[in-house]
Amino acid sequence: MTSAELDPEDAKIITLARSTRARTGAAEGAGVRDTTGRTYTAATVDLPSLRLSALRLAVAMAVSSGADGLEAAAVITEAGEAAAEDVAAVADLAGAGVPVLVAGPDGTVRTVAHSG
């Protein structure tokens, strides 16, 4: 699924996640959209004392900004699917049924997982 086939708001979080990944040179980039339409993006953190996936960090940024839920999430990764822990983090904030778009570095959606 290309960004032209996506809802414009979902295409936006994929674009933002791709930009974050490219800017930082990280293994992954991610974005989430909260229930008010605000977006949060993050990149993988891989420090000796702190390791966070991009998606878990994006969820944490939403939580720390006061978000009470999510409408959608996206992760840009070489992997073919979202890690179970990442989908669980989305579910922790959003509940069940929220789409987690998994796209390759070119922005093409490979799979869609759902939280919960």
Protein backbone atom coordinates (compact mmCIF):
# COMPACT_ATOMS: atom_id res chain seq x y z
CA MET A 1 0.00 0.00 0.00
CA THR A 2 1.51 3.33 -1.04
CA SER A 3 0.97 6.67 0.67
CA ALA A 4 -1.35 7.66 -2.20
CA GLU A 5 -3.69 4.84 -1.16
CA LEU A 6 -3.71 5.77 2.53
CA ASP A 7 -5.88 8.13 4.47
CA PRO A 8 -4.05 11.50 4.32
CA GLU A 9 -3.56 11.57 8.09
CA ASP A 10 -2.02 8.09 8.07
CA ALA A 11 0.22 9.07 5.16
CA LYS A 12 1.32 12.07 7.24
CA ILE A 13 2.53 9.99 10.19
CA ILE A 14 4.41 7.70 7.80
CA THR A 15 6.08 10.71 6.18
CA LEU A 16 7.00 12.17 9.56
CA ALA A 17 8.35 8.82 10.77
CA ARG A 18 10.45 8.44 7.61
CA SER A 19 11.84 11.95 8.08
CA THR A 20 12.74 11.29 11.70
CA ARG A 21 14.49 8.04 10.79
CA ALA A 22 16.42 9.68 7.95
CA ARG A 23 17.40 12.74 10.00
CA THR A 24 18.80 10.68 12.86
CA GLY A 25 20.16 7.73 10.90
CA ALA A 26 18.35 5.43 13.33
CA ALA A 27 17.30 1.85 12.67
CA GLU A 28 13.62 2.80 12.93
CA GLY A 29 11.38 5.84 12.88
CA ALA A 30 7.84 5.95 14.21
CA GLY A 31 4.89 8.23 14.56
CA VAL A 32 1.62 8.19 16.44
CA ARG A 33 -1.49 10.37 16.21
CA ASP A 34 -3.46 11.02 19.37
CA THR A 35 -7.22 11.41 19.68
CA THR A 36 -6.97 15.19 19.23
CA GLY A 37 -4.96 14.87 16.01
CA ARG A 38 -1.57 15.77 17.47
CA THR A 39 1.36 13.76 16.14
CA TYR A 40 4.48 12.57 17.89
CA THR A 41 7.52 11.11 16.14
CA ALA A 42 10.57 9.34 17.45
CA ALA A 43 13.60 7.35 16.40
CA THR A 44 15.19 4.28 17.92
CA VAL A 45 17.36 5.04 20.96
CA ASP A 46 20.32 2.71 21.33
CA LEU A 47 22.56 3.88 24.15
CA PRO A 48 24.52 1.64 26.50
CA SER A 49 22.15 2.43 29.37
CA LEU A 50 18.92 3.11 27.44
CA ARG A 51 17.34 1.18 24.58
CA LEU A 52 13.92 2.06 23.22
CA SER A 53 12.24 1.21 19.96
CA ALA A 54 11.02 4.15 17.94
CA LEU A 55 7.36 3.20 18.39
CA ARG A 56 7.58 2.74 22.16
CA LEU A 57 9.31 6.12 22.41
CA ALA A 58 6.64 7.80 20.27
CA VAL A 59 3.97 6.33 22.57
CA ALA A 60 5.92 7.55 25.61
CA MET A 61 6.15 11.04 24.12
CA ALA A 62 2.38 11.08 23.58
CA VAL A 63 1.76 9.94 27.16
CA SER A 64 4.17 12.50 28.60
CA SER A 65 2.37 15.22 26.62
CA GLY A 66 -0.98 14.28 28.13
CA ALA A 67 -2.51 12.19 25.34
CA ASP A 68 -5.33 9.97 26.56
CA GLY A 69 -5.52 7.75 23.49
CA LEU A 70 -4.28 7.11 19.97
CA GLU A 71 -5.99 6.95 16.59
CA ALA A 72 -3.11 5.41 14.63
CA ALA A 73 0.56 4.49 14.75
CA ALA A 74 3.24 3.85 12.15
CA VAL A 75 6.73 2.42 12.21
CA ILE A 76 9.36 2.58 9.49
CA THR A 77 11.56 -0.49 9.70
CA GLU A 78 13.47 -3.05 7.69
CA ALA A 79 11.59 -5.76 9.60
CA GLY A 80 8.45 -7.13 8.00
CA GLU A 81 6.25 -6.60 11.04
CA ALA A 82 5.94 -4.61 14.23
CA ALA A 83 7.47 -6.07 17.36
CA ALA A 84 4.90 -7.48 19.79
CA GLU A 85 6.17 -5.15 22.54
CA ASP A 86 5.59 -2.14 20.27
CA VAL A 87 2.02 -3.14 19.47
CA ALA A 88 1.46 -3.76 23.19
CA ALA A 89 2.63 -0.22 24.00
CA VAL A 90 0.12 1.17 21.50
CA ALA A 91 -2.61 -0.98 23.08
CA ASP A 92 -1.66 0.21 26.58
CA LEU A 93 -2.52 3.78 25.60
CA ALA A 94 -5.07 3.27 22.85
CA GLY A 95 -6.93 0.09 23.65
CA ALA A 96 -7.81 -2.52 21.06
CA GLY A 97 -8.23 -2.05 17.34
CA VAL A 98 -5.88 0.85 16.63
CA PRO A 99 -3.99 0.32 13.35
CA VAL A 100 -0.21 0.03 13.49
CA LEU A 101 1.10 0.63 9.98
CA VAL A 102 4.43 -1.08 9.28
CA ALA A 103 6.25 0.45 6.34
CA GLY A 104 9.60 -0.04 4.71
CA PRO A 105 12.15 2.76 4.36
CA ASP A 106 10.52 3.78 1.06
CA GLY A 107 7.22 4.43 2.89
CA THR A 108 5.34 1.51 1.36
CA VAL A 109 3.08 -0.12 3.94
CA ARG A 110 3.94 -3.81 4.23
CA THR A 111 1.58 -4.88 6.96
CA VAL A 112 -1.04 -3.44 9.28
CA ALA A 113 -1.25 -4.80 12.81
CA HIS A 114 -3.97 -3.84 15.26
CA SER A 115 -3.48 -3.12 18.92
CA GLY A 116 -4.99 -5.35 21.55
